[in-house]
PDB file of N, CA and C in Angstrom:
ATOM      1  N   MET A   1     -76.565 -27.389  81.400  1.00  0.00           N
ATOM      2  CA  MET A   1     -76.269 -25.981  81.276  1.00  0.00           C
ATOM      3  C   MET A   1     -75.106 -25.649  82.203  1.00  0.00           C
ATOM      4  N   GLY A   2     -74.130 -24.969  81.658  1.00  0.00           N
ATOM      5  CA  GLY A   2     -72.975 -24.583  82.438  1.00  0.00           C
ATOM      6  C   GLY A   2     -73.104 -23.162  82.944  1.00  0.00           C
ATOM      7  N   PHE A   3     -72.109 -22.744  83.678  1.00  0.00           N
ATOM      8  CA  PHE A   3     -72.132 -21.390  84.215  1.00  0.00           C
ATOM      9  C   PHE A   3     -71.655 -20.374  83.183  1.00  0.00           C
ATOM     10  N   PHE A   4     -70.594 -20.706  82.451  1.00  0.00           N
ATOM     11  CA  PHE A   4     -70.057 -19.788  81.453  1.00  0.00           C
ATOM     12  C   PHE A   4     -70.454 -20.158  80.028  1.00  0.00           C
ATOM     13  N   TYR A   5     -70.749 -21.418  79.766  1.00  0.00           N
ATOM     14  CA  TYR A   5     -71.097 -21.879  78.420  1.00  0.00           C
ATOM     15  C   TYR A   5     -72.438 -22.588  78.432  1.00  0.00           C
ATOM     16  N   ASP A   6     -73.240 -22.341  77.410  1.00  0.00           N
ATOM     17  CA  ASP A   6     -74.456 -23.116  77.158  1.00  0.00           C
ATOM     18  C   ASP A   6     -74.195 -23.998  75.962  1.00  0.00           C
ATOM     19  N   THR A   7     -74.500 -25.260  76.085  1.00  0.00           N
ATOM     20  CA  THR A   7     -74.359 -26.171  74.965  1.00  0.00           C
ATOM     21  C   THR A   7     -75.696 -26.822  74.674  1.00  0.00           C
ATOM     22  N   GLU A   8     -75.884 -27.186  73.430  1.00  0.00           N
ATOM     23  CA  GLU A   8     -77.112 -27.863  73.054  1.00  0.00           C
ATOM     24  C   GLU A   8     -76.873 -29.367  73.067  1.00  0.00           C
ATOM     25  N   PRO A   9     -77.797 -30.119  73.628  1.00  0.00           N
ATOM     26  CA  PRO A   9     -77.590 -31.572  73.680  1.00  0.00           C
ATOM     27  C   PRO A   9     -77.682 -32.192  72.288  1.00  0.00           C
ATOM     28  N   VAL A  10     -76.914 -33.237  72.063  1.00  0.00           N
ATOM     29  CA  VAL A  10     -76.943 -33.929  70.776  1.00  0.00           C
ATOM     30  C   VAL A  10     -77.777 -35.206  70.868  1.00  0.00           C
ATOM     31  N   GLU A  11     -78.440 -35.439  72.001  1.00  0.00           N
ATOM     32  CA  GLU A  11     -79.203 -36.661  72.169  1.00  0.00           C
ATOM     33  C   GLU A  11     -80.298 -36.856  71.123  1.00  0.00           C
ATOM     34  N   PRO A  12     -81.058 -35.816  70.749  1.00  0.00           N
ATOM     35  CA  PRO A  12     -82.090 -36.051  69.733  1.00  0.00           C
ATOM     36  C   PRO A  12     -81.509 -36.542  68.403  1.00  0.00           C
ATOM     37  N   ALA A  13     -80.431 -35.945  67.943  1.00  0.00           N
ATOM     38  CA  ALA A  13     -79.816 -36.374  66.688  1.00  0.00           C
ATOM     39  C   ALA A  13     -79.234 -37.769  66.815  1.00  0.00           C
ATOM     40  N   LEU A  14     -78.650 -38.068  67.964  1.00  0.00           N
ATOM     41  CA  LEU A  14     -78.084 -39.391  68.194  1.00  0.00           C
ATOM     42  C   LEU A  14     -79.181 -40.442  68.254  1.00  0.00           C
ATOM     43  N   THR A  15     -80.277 -40.137  68.915  1.00  0.00           N
ATOM     44  CA  THR A  15     -81.401 -41.066  68.992  1.00  0.00           C
ATOM     45  C   THR A  15     -81.973 -41.331  67.605  1.00  0.00           C
ATOM     46  N   GLN A  16     -82.101 -40.295  66.798  1.00  0.00           N
ATOM     47  CA  GLN A  16     -82.617 -40.462  65.444  1.00  0.00           C
ATOM     48  C   GLN A  16     -81.675 -41.323  64.603  1.00  0.00           C
ATOM     49  N   ALA A  17     -80.384 -41.091  64.698  1.00  0.00           N
ATOM     50  CA  ALA A  17     -79.422 -41.874  63.923  1.00  0.00           C
ATOM     51  C   ALA A  17     -79.432 -43.341  64.343  1.00  0.00           C
ATOM     52  N   LEU A  18     -79.527 -43.601  65.644  1.00  0.00           N
ATOM     53  CA  LEU A  18     -79.575 -44.992  66.109  1.00  0.00           C
ATOM     54  C   LEU A  18     -80.878 -45.665  65.703  1.00  0.00           C
ATOM     55  N   THR A  19     -81.978 -44.923  65.742  1.00  0.00           N
ATOM     56  CA  THR A  19     -83.256 -45.484  65.309  1.00  0.00           C
ATOM     57  C   THR A  19     -83.207 -45.876  63.843  1.00  0.00           C
ATOM     58  N   GLN A  20     -82.633 -45.020  63.019  1.00  0.00           N
ATOM     59  CA  GLN A  20     -82.496 -45.337  61.597  1.00  0.00           C
ATOM     60  C   GLN A  20     -81.573 -46.533  61.384  1.00  0.00           C
ATOM     61  N   ALA A  21     -80.513 -46.613  62.176  1.00  0.00           N
ATOM     62  CA  ALA A  21     -79.577 -47.723  62.023  1.00  0.00           C
ATOM     63  C   ALA A  21     -80.223 -49.049  62.392  1.00  0.00           C
ATOM     64  N   PHE A  22     -81.017 -49.076  63.464  1.00  0.00           N
ATOM     65  CA  PHE A  22     -81.653 -50.323  63.871  1.00  0.00           C
ATOM     66  C   PHE A  22     -82.833 -50.694  62.990  1.00  0.00           C
ATOM     67  N   ALA A  23     -83.457 -49.702  62.358  1.00  0.00           N
ATOM     68  CA  ALA A  23     -84.605 -49.976  61.493  1.00  0.00           C
ATOM     69  C   ALA A  23     -84.164 -50.419  60.103  1.00  0.00           C
ATOM     70  N   ALA A  24     -82.945 -50.122  59.727  1.00  0.00           N
ATOM     71  CA  ALA A  24     -82.465 -50.457  58.382  1.00  0.00           C
ATOM     72  C   ALA A  24     -82.229 -51.957  58.255  1.00  0.00           C
ATOM     73  N   ASN A  25     -82.206 -52.406  57.017  1.00  0.00           N
ATOM     74  CA  ASN A  25     -81.886 -53.808  56.748  1.00  0.00           C
ATOM     75  C   ASN A  25     -80.433 -54.063  57.118  1.00  0.00           C
ATOM     76  N   PRO A  26     -80.110 -55.316  57.442  1.00  0.00           N
ATOM     77  CA  PRO A  26     -78.713 -55.626  57.768  1.00  0.00           C
ATOM     78  C   PRO A  26     -77.790 -55.263  56.599  1.00  0.00           C
ATOM     79  N   LEU A  27     -76.673 -54.670  56.921  1.00  0.00           N
ATOM     80  CA  LEU A  27     -75.722 -54.215  55.912  1.00  0.00           C
ATOM     81  C   LEU A  27     -74.464 -55.063  55.983  1.00  0.00           C
ATOM     82  N   GLU A  28     -73.733 -55.021  54.916  1.00  0.00           N
ATOM     83  CA  GLU A  28     -72.411 -55.637  54.915  1.00  0.00           C
ATOM     84  C   GLU A  28     -71.503 -54.805  55.822  1.00  0.00           C
ATOM     85  N   PRO A  29     -70.444 -55.392  56.371  1.00  0.00           N
ATOM     86  CA  PRO A  29     -69.572 -54.633  57.276  1.00  0.00           C
ATOM     87  C   PRO A  29     -69.010 -53.355  56.656  1.00  0.00           C
ATOM     88  N   ASP A  30     -68.616 -53.400  55.382  1.00  0.00           N
ATOM     89  CA  ASP A  30     -68.082 -52.190  54.749  1.00  0.00           C
ATOM     90  C   ASP A  30     -69.153 -51.109  54.627  1.00  0.00           C
ATOM     91  N   GLU A  31     -70.356 -51.531  54.230  1.00  0.00           N
ATOM     92  CA  GLU A  31     -71.462 -50.579  54.093  1.00  0.00           C
ATOM     93  C   GLU A  31     -71.854 -50.009  55.456  1.00  0.00           C
ATOM     94  N   ALA A  32     -71.829 -50.854  56.485  1.00  0.00           N
ATOM     95  CA  ALA A  32     -72.189 -50.399  57.826  1.00  0.00           C
ATOM     96  C   ALA A  32     -71.176 -49.367  58.319  1.00  0.00           C
ATOM     97  N   GLY A  33     -69.902 -49.581  58.033  1.00  0.00           N
ATOM     98  CA  GLY A  33     -68.874 -48.621  58.434  1.00  0.00           C
ATOM     99  C   GLY A  33     -69.058 -47.285  57.747  1.00  0.00           C
ATOM    100  N   ARG A  34     -69.371 -47.329  56.456  1.00  0.00           N
ATOM    101  CA  ARG A  34     -69.587 -46.072  55.734  1.00  0.00           C
ATOM    102  C   ARG A  34     -70.841 -45.364  56.234  1.00  0.00           C
ATOM    103  N   ALA A  35     -71.896 -46.129  56.502  1.00  0.00           N
ATOM    104  CA  ALA A  35     -73.134 -45.523  57.008  1.00  0.00           C
ATOM    105  C   ALA A  35     -72.913 -44.913  58.394  1.00  0.00           C
ATOM    106  N   ALA A  36     -72.135 -45.607  59.231  1.00  0.00           N
ATOM    107  CA  ALA A  36     -71.866 -45.078  60.568  1.00  0.00           C
ATOM    108  C   ALA A  36     -71.028 -43.806  60.481  1.00  0.00           C
ATOM    109  N   ALA A  37     -70.040 -43.780  59.587  1.00  0.00           N
ATOM    110  CA  ALA A  37     -69.221 -42.578  59.424  1.00  0.00           C
ATOM    111  C   ALA A  37     -70.063 -41.410  58.922  1.00  0.00           C
ATOM    112  N   ALA A  38     -70.981 -41.698  57.999  1.00  0.00           N
ATOM    113  CA  ALA A  38     -71.850 -40.637  57.487  1.00  0.00           C
ATOM    114  C   ALA A  38     -72.780 -40.122  58.585  1.00  0.00           C
ATOM    115  N   ALA A  39     -73.333 -41.036  59.393  1.00  0.00           N
ATOM    116  CA  ALA A  39     -74.226 -40.616  60.478  1.00  0.00           C
ATOM    117  C   ALA A  39     -73.465 -39.799  61.514  1.00  0.00           C
ATOM    118  N   ALA A  40     -72.231 -40.215  61.833  1.00  0.00           N
ATOM    119  CA  ALA A  40     -71.427 -39.454  62.796  1.00  0.00           C
ATOM    120  C   ALA A  40     -71.093 -38.067  62.249  1.00  0.00           C
ATOM    121  N   GLY A  41     -70.812 -37.985  60.954  1.00  0.00           N
ATOM    122  CA  GLY A  41     -70.551 -36.684  60.341  1.00  0.00           C
ATOM    123  C   GLY A  41     -71.765 -35.778  60.386  1.00  0.00           C
ATOM    124  N   ASN A  42     -72.954 -36.361  60.158  1.00  0.00           N
ATOM    125  CA  ASN A  42     -74.183 -35.560  60.224  1.00  0.00           C
ATOM    126  C   ASN A  42     -74.443 -35.055  61.638  1.00  0.00           C
ATOM    127  N   ILE A  43     -74.198 -35.907  62.622  1.00  0.00           N
ATOM    128  CA  ILE A  43     -74.410 -35.494  64.013  1.00  0.00           C
ATOM    129  C   ILE A  43     -73.412 -34.403  64.382  1.00  0.00           C
ATOM    130  N   ARG A  44     -72.162 -34.580  63.981  1.00  0.00           N
ATOM    131  CA  ARG A  44     -71.134 -33.580  64.289  1.00  0.00           C
ATOM    132  C   ARG A  44     -71.468 -32.247  63.616  1.00  0.00           C
ATOM    133  N   ALA A  45     -71.994 -32.313  62.389  1.00  0.00           N
ATOM    134  CA  ALA A  45     -72.328 -31.084  61.668  1.00  0.00           C
ATOM    135  C   ALA A  45     -73.524 -30.377  62.300  1.00  0.00           C
ATOM    136  N   SER A  46     -74.445 -31.155  62.876  1.00  0.00           N
ATOM    137  CA  SER A  46     -75.634 -30.536  63.457  1.00  0.00           C
ATOM    138  C   SER A  46     -75.389 -29.989  64.860  1.00  0.00           C
ATOM    139  N   ALA A  47     -74.328 -30.435  65.511  1.00  0.00           N
ATOM    140  CA  ALA A  47     -74.030 -29.946  66.860  1.00  0.00           C
ATOM    141  C   ALA A  47     -73.495 -28.514  66.772  1.00  0.00           C
ATOM    142  N   ARG A  48     -74.040 -27.650  67.575  1.00  0.00           N
ATOM    143  CA  ARG A  48     -73.624 -26.251  67.582  1.00  0.00           C
ATOM    144  C   ARG A  48     -72.616 -26.026  68.700  1.00  0.00           C
ATOM    145  N   PRO A  49     -71.671 -25.139  68.479  1.00  0.00           N
ATOM    146  CA  PRO A  49     -70.713 -24.863  69.559  1.00  0.00           C
ATOM    147  C   PRO A  49     -71.399 -24.162  70.722  1.00  0.00           C
ATOM    148  N   GLY A  50     -70.777 -24.247  71.892  1.00  0.00           N
ATOM    149  CA  GLY A  50     -71.342 -23.615  73.079  1.00  0.00           C
ATOM    150  C   GLY A  50     -71.359 -22.104  72.953  1.00  0.00           C
ATOM    151  N   ARG A  51     -72.329 -21.501  73.626  1.00  0.00           N
ATOM    152  CA  ARG A  51     -72.451 -20.044  73.614  1.00  0.00           C
ATOM    153  C   ARG A  51     -71.904 -19.517  74.928  1.00  0.00           C
ATOM    154  N   LEU A  52     -70.964 -18.590  74.842  1.00  0.00           N
ATOM    155  CA  LEU A  52     -70.314 -18.018  76.014  1.00  0.00           C
ATOM    156  C   LEU A  52     -71.192 -16.933  76.625  1.00  0.00           C
ATOM    157  N   HIS A  53     -71.374 -17.004  77.936  1.00  0.00           N
ATOM    158  CA  HIS A  53     -72.084 -15.940  78.668  1.00  0.00           C
ATOM    159  C   HIS A  53     -71.057 -14.866  79.036  1.00  0.00           C
ATOM    160  N   THR A  54     -70.945 -13.868  78.196  1.00  0.00           N
ATOM    161  CA  THR A  54     -69.914 -12.847  78.420  1.00  0.00           C
ATOM    162  C   THR A  54     -70.191 -12.023  79.668  1.00  0.00           C
ATOM    163  N   THR A  55     -71.435 -11.803  80.009  1.00  0.00           N
ATOM    164  CA  THR A  55     -71.766 -11.015  81.194  1.00  0.00           C
ATOM    165  C   THR A  55     -71.226 -11.692  82.448  1.00  0.00           C
ATOM    166  N   ARG A  56     -71.430 -12.998  82.556  1.00  0.00           N
ATOM    167  CA  ARG A  56     -70.942 -13.719  83.729  1.00  0.00           C
ATOM    168  C   ARG A  56     -69.417 -13.712  83.786  1.00  0.00           C
ATOM    169  N   LEU A  57     -68.790 -13.833  82.626  1.00  0.00           N
ATOM    170  CA  LEU A  57     -67.328 -13.806  82.586  1.00  0.00           C
ATOM    171  C   LEU A  57     -66.799 -12.437  82.988  1.00  0.00           C
ATOM    172  N   VAL A  58     -67.425 -11.382  82.481  1.00  0.00           N
ATOM    173  CA  VAL A  58     -66.994 -10.016  82.811  1.00  0.00           C
ATOM    174  C   VAL A  58     -67.189  -9.733  84.301  1.00  0.00           C
ATOM    175  N   VAL A  59     -68.301 -10.173  84.869  1.00  0.00           N
ATOM    176  CA  VAL A  59     -68.544  -9.966  86.297  1.00  0.00           C
ATOM    177  C   VAL A  59     -67.484 -10.680  87.130  1.00  0.00           C
ATOM    178  N   SER A  60     -67.119 -11.895  86.750  1.00  0.00           N
ATOM    179  CA  SER A  60     -66.101 -12.615  87.521  1.00  0.00           C
ATOM    180  C   SER A  60     -64.725 -11.966  87.366  1.00  0.00           C
ATOM    181  N   VAL A  61     -64.419 -11.417  86.188  1.00  0.00           N
ATOM    182  CA  VAL A  61     -63.142 -10.709  86.002  1.00  0.00           C
ATOM    183  C   VAL A  61     -63.141  -9.411  86.810  1.00  0.00           C
ATOM    184  N   ILE A  62     -64.266  -8.726  86.871  1.00  0.00           N
ATOM    185  CA  ILE A  62     -64.369  -7.506  87.681  1.00  0.00           C
ATOM    186  C   ILE A  62     -64.193  -7.842  89.163  1.00  0.00           C
ATOM    187  N   LEU A  63     -64.800  -8.940  89.617  1.00  0.00           N
ATOM    188  CA  LEU A  63     -64.634  -9.366  91.001  1.00  0.00           C
ATOM    189  C   LEU A  63     -63.165  -9.656  91.301  1.00  0.00           C
ATOM    190  N   PHE A  64     -62.495 -10.348  90.376  1.00  0.00           N
ATOM    191  CA  PHE A  64     -61.065 -10.612  90.539  1.00  0.00           C
ATOM    192  C   PHE A  64     -60.282  -9.305  90.621  1.00  0.00           C
ATOM    193  N   GLY A  65     -60.600  -8.356  89.743  1.00  0.00           N
ATOM    194  CA  GLY A  65     -59.911  -7.068  89.740  1.00  0.00           C
ATOM    195  C   GLY A  65     -60.142  -6.283  91.020  1.00  0.00           C
ATOM    196  N   LEU A  66     -61.370  -6.322  91.535  1.00  0.00           N
ATOM    197  CA  LEU A  66     -61.661  -5.614  92.790  1.00  0.00           C
ATOM    198  C   LEU A  66     -60.878  -6.213  93.954  1.00  0.00           C
ATOM    199  N   LEU A  67     -60.832  -7.534  94.024  1.00  0.00           N
ATOM    200  CA  LEU A  67     -60.076  -8.172  95.096  1.00  0.00           C
ATOM    201  C   LEU A  67     -58.585  -7.876  94.976  1.00  0.00           C
ATOM    202  N   LEU A  68     -58.091  -7.920  93.748  1.00  0.00           N
ATOM    203  CA  LEU A  68     -56.681  -7.615  93.529  1.00  0.00           C
ATOM    204  C   LEU A  68     -56.382  -6.149  93.857  1.00  0.00           C
ATOM    205  N   GLY A  69     -57.251  -5.246  93.419  1.00  0.00           N
ATOM    206  CA  GLY A  69     -57.088  -3.820  93.732  1.00  0.00           C
ATOM    207  C   GLY A  69     -57.171  -3.557  95.224  1.00  0.00           C
ATOM    208  N   GLY A  70     -58.087  -4.255  95.894  1.00  0.00           N
ATOM    209  CA  GLY A  70     -58.175  -4.110  97.350  1.00  0.00           C
ATOM    210  C   GLY A  70     -56.919  -4.604  98.039  1.00  0.00           C
ATOM    211  N   GLY A  71     -56.346  -5.679  97.531  1.00  0.00           N
ATOM    212  CA  GLY A  71     -55.086  -6.179  98.086  1.00  0.00           C
ATOM    213  C   GLY A  71     -53.957  -5.200  97.910  1.00  0.00           C
ATOM    214  N   VAL A  72     -53.886  -4.584  96.739  1.00  0.00           N
ATOM    215  CA  VAL A  72     -52.847  -3.587  96.483  1.00  0.00           C
ATOM    216  C   VAL A  72     -53.060  -2.365  97.379  1.00  0.00           C
ATOM    217  N   ALA A  73     -54.309  -1.922  97.521  1.00  0.00           N
ATOM    218  CA  ALA A  73     -54.597  -0.739  98.336  1.00  0.00           C
ATOM    219  C   ALA A  73     -54.284  -0.990  99.803  1.00  0.00           C
ATOM    220  N   THR A  74     -54.660  -2.151 100.318  1.00  0.00           N
ATOM    221  CA  THR A  74     -54.375  -2.429 101.727  1.00  0.00           C
ATOM    222  C   THR A  74     -52.883  -2.645 101.964  1.00  0.00           C
ATOM    223  N   GLU A  75     -52.178  -3.157 100.966  1.00  0.00           N
ATOM    224  CA  GLU A  75     -50.720  -3.284 101.081  1.00  0.00           C
ATOM    225  C   GLU A  75     -50.074  -1.899 101.132  1.00  0.00           C
ATOM    226  N   ALA A  76     -50.585  -0.987 100.342  1.00  0.00           N
ATOM    227  CA  ALA A  76     -50.023   0.369 100.308  1.00  0.00           C
ATOM    228  C   ALA A  76     -50.287   1.123 101.611  1.00  0.00           C
ATOM    229  N   THR A  77     -51.377   0.821 102.270  1.00  0.00           N
ATOM    230  CA  THR A  77     -51.693   1.508 103.528  1.00  0.00           C
ATOM    231  C   THR A  77     -51.095   0.803 104.739  1.00  0.00           C
ATOM    232  N   GLY A  78     -50.398  -0.292 104.530  1.00  0.00           N
ATOM    233  CA  GLY A  78     -49.710  -0.965 105.624  1.00  0.00           C
ATOM    234  C   GLY A  78     -50.539  -1.995 106.362  1.00  0.00           C
ATOM    235  N   LEU A  79     -51.649  -2.417 105.795  1.00  0.00           N
ATOM    236  CA  LEU A  79     -52.476  -3.453 106.428  1.00  0.00           C
ATOM    237  C   LEU A  79     -52.087  -4.816 105.844  1.00  0.00           C
ATOM    238  N   GLY A  80     -51.017  -5.373 106.373  1.00  0.00           N
ATOM    239  CA  GLY A  80     -50.442  -6.590 105.803  1.00  0.00           C
ATOM    240  C   GLY A  80     -51.366  -7.795 105.850  1.00  0.00           C
ATOM    241  N   GLY A  81     -52.057  -7.996 106.961  1.00  0.00           N
ATOM    242  CA  GLY A  81     -52.958  -9.148 107.082  1.00  0.00           C
ATOM    243  C   GLY A  81     -54.118  -9.066 106.111  1.00  0.00           C
ATOM    244  N   SER A  82     -54.677  -7.894 105.947  1.00  0.00           N
ATOM    245  CA  SER A  82     -55.801  -7.716 105.033  1.00  0.00           C
ATOM    246  C   SER A  82     -55.374  -7.908 103.588  1.00  0.00           C
ATOM    247  N   SER A  83     -54.181  -7.407 103.270  1.00  0.00           N
ATOM    248  CA  SER A  83     -53.731  -7.551 101.883  1.00  0.00           C
ATOM    249  C   SER A  83     -53.477  -9.010 101.544  1.00  0.00           C
ATOM    250  N   GLN A  84     -52.921  -9.765 102.501  1.00  0.00           N
ATOM    251  CA  GLN A  84     -52.701 -11.188 102.235  1.00  0.00           C
ATOM    252  C   GLN A  84     -54.022 -11.921 102.038  1.00  0.00           C
ATOM    253  N   ALA A  85     -55.018 -11.589 102.832  1.00  0.00           N
ATOM    254  CA  ALA A  85     -56.327 -12.224 102.689  1.00  0.00           C
ATOM    255  C   ALA A  85     -56.952 -11.890 101.337  1.00  0.00           C
ATOM    256  N   LEU A  86     -56.869 -10.621 100.941  1.00  0.00           N
ATOM    257  CA  LEU A  86     -57.461 -10.226  99.657  1.00  0.00           C
ATOM    258  C   LEU A  86     -56.709 -10.842  98.479  1.00  0.00           C
ATOM    259  N   PHE A  87     -55.383 -10.928  98.562  1.00  0.00           N
ATOM    260  CA  PHE A  87     -54.629 -11.592  97.495  1.00  0.00           C
ATOM    261  C   PHE A  87     -54.989 -13.073  97.431  1.00  0.00           C
ATOM    262  N   GLY A  88     -55.202 -13.681  98.579  1.00  0.00           N
ATOM    263  CA  GLY A  88     -55.626 -15.085  98.605  1.00  0.00           C
ATOM    264  C   GLY A  88     -56.984 -15.284  97.979  1.00  0.00           C
ATOM    265  N   PHE A  89     -57.931 -14.406  98.313  1.00  0.00           N
ATOM    266  CA  PHE A  89     -59.259 -14.482  97.701  1.00  0.00           C
ATOM    267  C   PHE A  89     -59.184 -14.262  96.192  1.00  0.00           C
ATOM    268  N   ALA A  90     -58.362 -13.301  95.759  1.00  0.00           N
ATOM    269  CA  ALA A  90     -58.226 -13.035  94.326  1.00  0.00           C
ATOM    270  C   ALA A  90     -57.662 -14.258  93.614  1.00  0.00           C
ATOM    271  N   GLY A  91     -56.678 -14.907  94.217  1.00  0.00           N
ATOM    272  CA  GLY A  91     -56.133 -16.130  93.622  1.00  0.00           C
ATOM    273  C   GLY A  91     -57.155 -17.243  93.561  1.00  0.00           C
ATOM    274  N   SER A  92     -57.990 -17.338  94.587  1.00  0.00           N
ATOM    275  CA  SER A  92     -59.049 -18.359  94.593  1.00  0.00           C
ATOM    276  C   SER A  92     -60.073 -18.096  93.495  1.00  0.00           C
ATOM    277  N   VAL A  93     -60.492 -16.841  93.351  1.00  0.00           N
ATOM    278  CA  VAL A  93     -61.456 -16.495  92.306  1.00  0.00           C
ATOM    279  C   VAL A  93     -60.877 -16.795  90.929  1.00  0.00           C
ATOM    280  N   PHE A  94     -59.617 -16.415  90.727  1.00  0.00           N
ATOM    281  CA  PHE A  94     -58.969 -16.690  89.444  1.00  0.00           C
ATOM    282  C   PHE A  94     -58.916 -18.188  89.173  1.00  0.00           C
ATOM    283  N   GLY A  95     -58.542 -18.975  90.168  1.00  0.00           N
ATOM    284  CA  GLY A  95     -58.471 -20.429  89.997  1.00  0.00           C
ATOM    285  C   GLY A  95     -59.815 -21.044  89.694  1.00  0.00           C
ATOM    286  N   VAL A  96     -60.852 -20.600  90.387  1.00  0.00           N
ATOM    287  CA  VAL A  96     -62.191 -21.149  90.150  1.00  0.00           C
ATOM    288  C   VAL A  96     -62.679 -20.788  88.758  1.00  0.00           C
ATOM    289  N   VAL A  97     -62.486 -19.548  88.341  1.00  0.00           N
ATOM    290  CA  VAL A  97     -62.947 -19.116  87.020  1.00  0.00           C
ATOM    291  C   VAL A  97     -62.225 -19.892  85.923  1.00  0.00           C
ATOM    292  N   VAL A  98     -60.909 -20.005  86.026  1.00  0.00           N
ATOM    293  CA  VAL A  98     -60.155 -20.735  85.006  1.00  0.00           C
ATOM    294  C   VAL A  98     -60.536 -22.209  85.011  1.00  0.00           C
ATOM    295  N   GLY A  99     -60.722 -22.792  86.189  1.00  0.00           N
ATOM    296  CA  GLY A  99     -61.119 -24.194  86.271  1.00  0.00           C
ATOM    297  C   GLY A  99     -62.488 -24.452  85.658  1.00  0.00           C
ATOM    298  N   VAL A 100     -63.445 -23.597  85.966  1.00  0.00           N
ATOM    299  CA  VAL A 100     -64.798 -23.772  85.418  1.00  0.00           C
ATOM    300  C   VAL A 100     -64.795 -23.559  83.905  1.00  0.00           C
ATOM    301  N   LEU A 101     -64.089 -22.537  83.446  1.00  0.00           N
ATOM    302  CA  LEU A 101     -64.000 -22.307  82.000  1.00  0.00           C
ATOM    303  C   LEU A 101     -63.383 -23.499  81.277  1.00  0.00           C
ATOM    304  N   GLY A 102     -62.307 -24.016  81.831  1.00  0.00           N
ATOM    305  CA  GLY A 102     -61.639 -25.151  81.190  1.00  0.00           C
ATOM    306  C   GLY A 102     -62.483 -26.398  81.182  1.00  0.00           C
ATOM    307  N   SER A 103     -63.152 -26.685  82.282  1.00  0.00           N
ATOM    308  CA  SER A 103     -63.964 -27.912  82.341  1.00  0.00           C
ATOM    309  C   SER A 103     -65.194 -27.808  81.462  1.00  0.00           C
ATOM    310  N   GLU A 104     -65.812 -26.630  81.390  1.00  0.00           N
ATOM    311  CA  GLU A 104     -66.996 -26.475  80.549  1.00  0.00           C
ATOM    312  C   GLU A 104     -66.632 -26.508  79.075  1.00  0.00           C
ATOM    313  N   LYS A 105     -65.530 -25.905  78.720  1.00  0.00           N
ATOM    314  CA  LYS A 105     -65.148 -25.871  77.308  1.00  0.00           C
ATOM    315  C   LYS A 105     -64.734 -27.262  76.842  1.00  0.00           C
ATOM    316  N   SER A 106     -64.020 -28.007  77.685  1.00  0.00           N
ATOM    317  CA  SER A 106     -63.603 -29.345  77.275  1.00  0.00           C
ATOM    318  C   SER A 106     -64.784 -30.310  77.241  1.00  0.00           C
ATOM    319  N   ALA A 107     -65.784 -30.089  78.090  1.00  0.00           N
ATOM    320  CA  ALA A 107     -66.959 -30.959  78.079  1.00  0.00           C
ATOM    321  C   ALA A 107     -67.880 -30.650  76.917  1.00  0.00           C
ATOM    322  N   GLY A 108     -67.854 -29.421  76.422  1.00  0.00           N
ATOM    323  CA  GLY A 108     -68.755 -29.014  75.351  1.00  0.00           C
ATOM    324  C   GLY A 108     -68.160 -29.254  74.055  1.00  0.00           C
TER     325      GLY A 108
END
């Protein structure tokens, strides 16, 4: 289970396909290739895409916006050190969110 995406495991379908393959009579190489392609297609068709947790994504975008807004506000009031810290935190939050989204989507 990921933070932004939920994916369903394909292990049950894969286990079933391998069990059927090992239980079947020996096939000719051409027949085995076609059977393997058909089994892979069935597994791919049964796999569901990940479900995005929009609430978590919205909360992280709001957090980024608050940090960015705080940086702008402290810059406008002349608090240079605070604005740099808040801009740094906002950049860190943005980097973490984009990194987690990218890694979860590519893994799913």
